[in-house]
Amino acid sequence: IPVKDHRINNIDDIYIYMAEQLQESSDKNVEIWKIKKLIKSLEAARGNGTSMISLIIPPRDQVPRIAKMLADEYGTASNIKSRVNRLSVLSAITSVQARLKLYNKG
């Protein structure tokens, strides 16, 4: 009896196949749980005014492109008239840039 990429010849093959299917299902459930937990923590995150940046990088995106985008944003933020807001935004961008460098090394 062919099942997906398996050949079932006896009861042991059926047990092995079922165990593999349960493991795949369990792995998917764990991944879904992790994603839901991450979404909840992101929803609960709060910043103080302009001091929080959420940066989500797609899996295959290039880190140098993100670094350039942050540098461009830093330049734009330098034009903010309010000294307090400007320093807050520049500090937040600098923090993200530092974390991005650590991510790039890892």
N, C-alpha and C. Protein backbone atom coordinates (compact mmCIF):
# COMPACT_ATOMS: atom_id res chain seq x y z
N ILE A 1 0.86 -1.18 0.00
CA ILE A 1 0.00 0.00 0.00
C ILE A 1 0.91 1.24 0.00
N PRO A 2 0.88 2.05 -1.04
CA PRO A 2 1.69 3.27 -1.02
C PRO A 2 0.96 4.41 -0.30
N VAL A 3 1.63 5.07 0.60
CA VAL A 3 1.08 6.22 1.31
C VAL A 3 2.12 7.33 1.21
N LYS A 4 1.77 8.39 0.50
CA LYS A 4 2.71 9.49 0.23
C LYS A 4 4.00 8.89 -0.30
N ASP A 5 5.11 9.10 0.41
CA ASP A 5 6.40 8.59 -0.04
C ASP A 5 6.80 7.33 0.72
N HIS A 6 5.83 6.65 1.30
CA HIS A 6 6.12 5.46 2.10
C HIS A 6 5.54 4.22 1.40
N ARG A 7 6.14 3.11 1.69
CA ARG A 7 5.62 1.83 1.22
C ARG A 7 5.24 1.06 2.48
N ILE A 8 3.97 0.75 2.64
CA ILE A 8 3.47 0.04 3.81
C ILE A 8 3.37 -1.45 3.45
N ASN A 9 4.17 -2.25 4.13
CA ASN A 9 4.15 -3.69 3.87
C ASN A 9 3.61 -4.49 5.04
N ASN A 10 3.75 -3.94 6.24
CA ASN A 10 3.29 -4.67 7.41
C ASN A 10 2.84 -3.69 8.49
N ILE A 11 2.41 -4.22 9.62
CA ILE A 11 1.87 -3.38 10.70
C ILE A 11 2.92 -2.44 11.28
N ASP A 12 4.19 -2.87 11.32
CA ASP A 12 5.25 -2.00 11.83
C ASP A 12 5.40 -0.76 10.95
N ASP A 13 5.27 -0.94 9.65
CA ASP A 13 5.35 0.21 8.73
C ASP A 13 4.20 1.19 9.00
N ILE A 14 3.04 0.66 9.32
CA ILE A 14 1.89 1.51 9.63
C ILE A 14 2.16 2.32 10.90
N TYR A 15 2.71 1.66 11.94
CA TYR A 15 3.03 2.36 13.18
C TYR A 15 4.07 3.46 12.94
N ILE A 16 5.08 3.13 12.15
CA ILE A 16 6.12 4.12 11.85
C ILE A 16 5.52 5.31 11.10
N TYR A 17 4.69 5.01 10.11
CA TYR A 17 4.05 6.07 9.33
C TYR A 17 3.18 6.96 10.23
N MET A 18 2.38 6.32 11.09
CA MET A 18 1.50 7.09 11.98
C MET A 18 2.32 7.95 12.95
N ALA A 19 3.42 7.41 13.46
CA ALA A 19 4.27 8.18 14.37
C ALA A 19 4.87 9.39 13.66
N GLU A 20 5.28 9.20 12.40
CA GLU A 20 5.83 10.32 11.63
C GLU A 20 4.77 11.39 11.41
N GLN A 21 3.55 10.98 11.10
CA GLN A 21 2.47 11.94 10.88
C GLN A 21 2.14 12.71 12.15
N LEU A 22 2.12 12.01 13.28
CA LEU A 22 1.86 12.68 14.56
C LEU A 22 2.96 13.68 14.89
N GLN A 23 4.21 13.31 14.61
CA GLN A 23 5.33 14.21 14.88
C GLN A 23 5.22 15.47 14.01
N GLU A 24 4.90 15.30 12.71
CA GLU A 24 4.74 16.45 11.82
C GLU A 24 3.62 17.35 12.32
N SER A 25 2.52 16.75 12.73
CA SER A 25 1.38 17.52 13.23
C SER A 25 1.76 18.26 14.51
N SER A 26 2.49 17.58 15.39
CA SER A 26 2.92 18.19 16.64
C SER A 26 3.86 19.36 16.37
N ASP A 27 4.80 19.17 15.44
CA ASP A 27 5.73 20.25 15.08
C ASP A 27 4.98 21.46 14.54
N LYS A 28 3.97 21.23 13.71
CA LYS A 28 3.18 22.33 13.16
C LYS A 28 2.43 23.05 14.27
N ASN A 29 1.88 22.30 15.21
CA ASN A 29 1.16 22.91 16.33
C ASN A 29 2.08 23.76 17.19
N VAL A 30 3.30 23.29 17.40
CA VAL A 30 4.27 24.07 18.18
C VAL A 30 4.61 25.36 17.45
N GLU A 31 4.82 25.28 16.14
CA GLU A 31 5.13 26.48 15.35
C GLU A 31 3.97 27.47 15.39
N ILE A 32 2.76 26.98 15.25
CA ILE A 32 1.58 27.86 15.31
C ILE A 32 1.49 28.52 16.68
N TRP A 33 1.73 27.75 17.74
CA TRP A 33 1.70 28.30 19.10
C TRP A 33 2.76 29.40 19.26
N LYS A 34 3.97 29.16 18.75
CA LYS A 34 5.04 30.15 18.85
C LYS A 34 4.66 31.44 18.13
N ILE A 35 4.08 31.31 16.95
CA ILE A 35 3.68 32.49 16.18
C ILE A 35 2.59 33.26 16.90
N LYS A 36 1.60 32.55 17.44
CA LYS A 36 0.52 33.22 18.18
C LYS A 36 1.07 33.94 19.40
N LYS A 37 2.02 33.31 20.10
CA LYS A 37 2.63 33.93 21.28
C LYS A 37 3.40 35.19 20.88
N LEU A 38 4.12 35.13 19.77
CA LEU A 38 4.86 36.29 19.29
C LEU A 38 3.91 37.43 18.93
N ILE A 39 2.82 37.11 18.25
CA ILE A 39 1.84 38.14 17.87
C ILE A 39 1.25 38.79 19.11
N LYS A 40 0.92 37.99 20.12
CA LYS A 40 0.37 38.57 21.36
C LYS A 40 1.37 39.49 22.04
N SER A 41 2.64 39.09 22.06
CA SER A 41 3.64 39.95 22.71
C SER A 41 3.85 41.23 21.91
N LEU A 42 3.77 41.16 20.58
CA LEU A 42 3.88 42.37 19.77
C LEU A 42 2.68 43.28 19.96
N GLU A 43 1.50 42.69 20.10
CA GLU A 43 0.29 43.49 20.33
C GLU A 43 0.36 44.20 21.69
N ALA A 44 0.99 43.56 22.66
CA ALA A 44 1.06 44.13 24.01
C ALA A 44 2.18 45.17 24.15
N ALA A 45 3.11 45.19 23.20
CA ALA A 45 4.25 46.11 23.30
C ALA A 45 3.77 47.55 23.15
N ARG A 46 4.27 48.40 24.00
CA ARG A 46 3.91 49.81 23.97
C ARG A 46 5.16 50.65 24.13
N GLY A 47 5.19 51.74 23.40
CA GLY A 47 6.31 52.67 23.50
C GLY A 47 5.85 53.96 24.14
N ASN A 48 6.80 54.79 24.47
CA ASN A 48 6.50 56.08 25.06
C ASN A 48 6.62 57.14 23.96
N GLY A 49 5.50 57.50 23.35
CA GLY A 49 5.51 58.50 22.29
C GLY A 49 6.22 58.00 21.04
N THR A 50 7.34 58.67 20.69
CA THR A 50 8.04 58.33 19.46
C THR A 50 9.28 57.48 19.72
N SER A 51 9.36 56.85 20.86
CA SER A 51 10.60 56.15 21.23
C SER A 51 10.59 54.66 20.90
N MET A 52 9.56 54.17 20.25
CA MET A 52 9.50 52.74 19.97
C MET A 52 9.44 52.50 18.47
N ILE A 53 10.27 51.56 18.01
CA ILE A 53 10.29 51.19 16.60
C ILE A 53 10.03 49.69 16.51
N SER A 54 9.09 49.32 15.66
CA SER A 54 8.86 47.90 15.36
C SER A 54 9.44 47.64 13.99
N LEU A 55 10.40 46.75 13.91
CA LEU A 55 11.04 46.43 12.64
C LEU A 55 10.93 44.94 12.41
N ILE A 56 10.16 44.56 11.42
CA ILE A 56 9.99 43.15 11.09
C ILE A 56 10.66 42.92 9.74
N ILE A 57 11.65 42.05 9.73
CA ILE A 57 12.42 41.79 8.52
C ILE A 57 12.00 40.44 7.95
N PRO A 58 11.56 40.41 6.69
CA PRO A 58 11.21 39.14 6.07
C PRO A 58 12.41 38.19 6.04
N PRO A 59 12.17 36.89 6.04
CA PRO A 59 13.25 35.90 6.16
C PRO A 59 14.40 36.06 5.17
N ARG A 60 14.11 36.36 3.91
CA ARG A 60 15.19 36.40 2.92
C ARG A 60 15.59 37.82 2.53
N ASP A 61 15.18 38.78 3.34
CA ASP A 61 15.53 40.17 3.04
C ASP A 61 17.01 40.39 3.37
N GLN A 62 17.61 41.35 2.70
CA GLN A 62 19.03 41.62 2.89
C GLN A 62 19.23 42.64 4.01
N VAL A 63 20.10 42.28 4.95
CA VAL A 63 20.37 43.14 6.10
C VAL A 63 20.95 44.49 5.65
N PRO A 64 21.86 44.54 4.68
CA PRO A 64 22.37 45.85 4.24
C PRO A 64 21.26 46.79 3.73
N ARG A 65 20.24 46.23 3.11
CA ARG A 65 19.14 47.06 2.63
C ARG A 65 18.39 47.68 3.81
N ILE A 66 18.20 46.90 4.86
CA ILE A 66 17.53 47.40 6.06
C ILE A 66 18.40 48.46 6.74
N ALA A 67 19.72 48.21 6.78
CA ALA A 67 20.64 49.18 7.39
C ALA A 67 20.59 50.51 6.64
N LYS A 68 20.52 50.44 5.30
CA LYS A 68 20.42 51.67 4.50
C LYS A 68 19.11 52.40 4.78
N MET A 69 18.03 51.63 4.88
CA MET A 69 16.73 52.23 5.17
C MET A 69 16.77 52.97 6.52
N LEU A 70 17.40 52.34 7.51
CA LEU A 70 17.51 52.98 8.83
C LEU A 70 18.37 54.24 8.77
N ALA A 71 19.44 54.19 7.98
CA ALA A 71 20.29 55.37 7.82
C ALA A 71 19.51 56.51 7.16
N ASP A 72 18.69 56.16 6.17
CA ASP A 72 17.84 57.17 5.51
C ASP A 72 16.84 57.76 6.51
N GLU A 73 16.25 56.90 7.32
CA GLU A 73 15.29 57.38 8.33
C GLU A 73 15.98 58.28 9.36
N TYR A 74 17.22 57.94 9.68
CA TYR A 74 17.98 58.76 10.62
C TYR A 74 18.17 60.17 10.05
N GLY A 75 18.50 60.22 8.75
CA GLY A 75 18.66 61.52 8.09
C GLY A 75 17.37 62.31 8.09
N THR A 76 16.27 61.63 7.83
CA THR A 76 14.95 62.29 7.83
C THR A 76 14.60 62.77 9.24
N ALA A 77 14.88 61.94 10.23
CA ALA A 77 14.55 62.29 11.61
C ALA A 77 15.38 63.47 12.11
N SER A 78 16.53 63.69 11.51
CA SER A 78 17.37 64.82 11.91
C SER A 78 16.67 66.16 11.66
N ASN A 79 15.66 66.15 10.80
CA ASN A 79 14.93 67.38 10.47
C ASN A 79 13.73 67.64 11.38
N ILE A 80 13.48 66.78 12.35
CA ILE A 80 12.36 66.98 13.26
C ILE A 80 12.63 68.24 14.09
N LYS A 81 11.67 69.14 14.10
CA LYS A 81 11.88 70.45 14.76
C LYS A 81 11.95 70.36 16.27
N SER A 82 11.08 69.58 16.86
CA SER A 82 11.08 69.47 18.32
C SER A 82 12.34 68.74 18.78
N ARG A 83 13.12 69.39 19.61
CA ARG A 83 14.38 68.81 20.09
C ARG A 83 14.13 67.50 20.82
N VAL A 84 13.14 67.47 21.69
CA VAL A 84 12.85 66.28 22.49
C VAL A 84 12.45 65.12 21.58
N ASN A 85 11.54 65.38 20.64
CA ASN A 85 11.10 64.32 19.72
C ASN A 85 12.25 63.87 18.82
N ARG A 86 13.03 64.83 18.32
CA ARG A 86 14.15 64.50 17.43
C ARG A 86 15.13 63.58 18.14
N LEU A 87 15.52 63.94 19.35
CA LEU A 87 16.48 63.12 20.09
C LEU A 87 15.91 61.74 20.43
N SER A 88 14.63 61.70 20.72
CA SER A 88 13.97 60.43 21.03
C SER A 88 13.98 59.50 19.81
N VAL A 89 13.62 60.06 18.66
CA VAL A 89 13.57 59.25 17.43
C VAL A 89 14.98 58.83 17.02
N LEU A 90 15.93 59.75 17.07
CA LEU A 90 17.31 59.41 16.71
C LEU A 90 17.88 58.33 17.64
N SER A 91 17.56 58.42 18.91
CA SER A 91 18.01 57.41 19.86
C SER A 91 17.41 56.04 19.54
N ALA A 92 16.13 56.03 19.21
CA ALA A 92 15.47 54.76 18.88
C ALA A 92 16.08 54.15 17.62
N ILE A 93 16.33 54.97 16.61
CA ILE A 93 16.92 54.46 15.36
C ILE A 93 18.33 53.94 15.62
N THR A 94 19.10 54.66 16.42
CA THR A 94 20.46 54.23 16.76
C THR A 94 20.43 52.88 17.48
N SER A 95 19.47 52.70 18.36
CA SER A 95 19.32 51.43 19.08
C SER A 95 19.02 50.29 18.11
N VAL A 96 18.13 50.54 17.16
CA VAL A 96 17.79 49.50 16.17
C VAL A 96 19.01 49.19 15.31
N GLN A 97 19.76 50.20 14.92
CA GLN A 97 20.96 49.98 14.11
C GLN A 97 21.97 49.11 14.86
N ALA A 98 22.14 49.36 16.16
CA ALA A 98 23.07 48.56 16.96
C ALA A 98 22.60 47.11 17.06
N ARG A 99 21.32 46.91 17.24
CA ARG A 99 20.78 45.55 17.32
C ARG A 99 20.90 44.84 15.97
N LEU A 100 20.72 45.58 14.90
CA LEU A 100 20.83 45.00 13.56
C LEU A 100 22.25 44.53 13.30
N LYS A 101 23.23 45.27 13.78
CA LYS A 101 24.63 44.85 13.62
C LYS A 101 24.88 43.53 14.35
N LEU A 102 24.30 43.37 15.54
CA LEU A 102 24.44 42.11 16.28
C LEU A 102 23.78 40.97 15.53
N TYR A 103 22.62 41.25 14.95
CA TYR A 103 21.89 40.23 14.18
C TYR A 103 22.71 39.82 12.96
N ASN A 104 23.36 40.78 12.35
CA ASN A 104 24.16 40.52 11.16
C ASN A 104 25.34 39.61 11.47
N LYS A 105 25.92 39.74 12.69
CA LYS A 105 27.05 38.90 13.08
C LYS A 105 26.62 37.48 13.42
N GLY A 106 25.37 37.34 13.92
CA GLY A 106 24.87 36.03 14.35
C GLY A 106 24.56 35.20 13.21
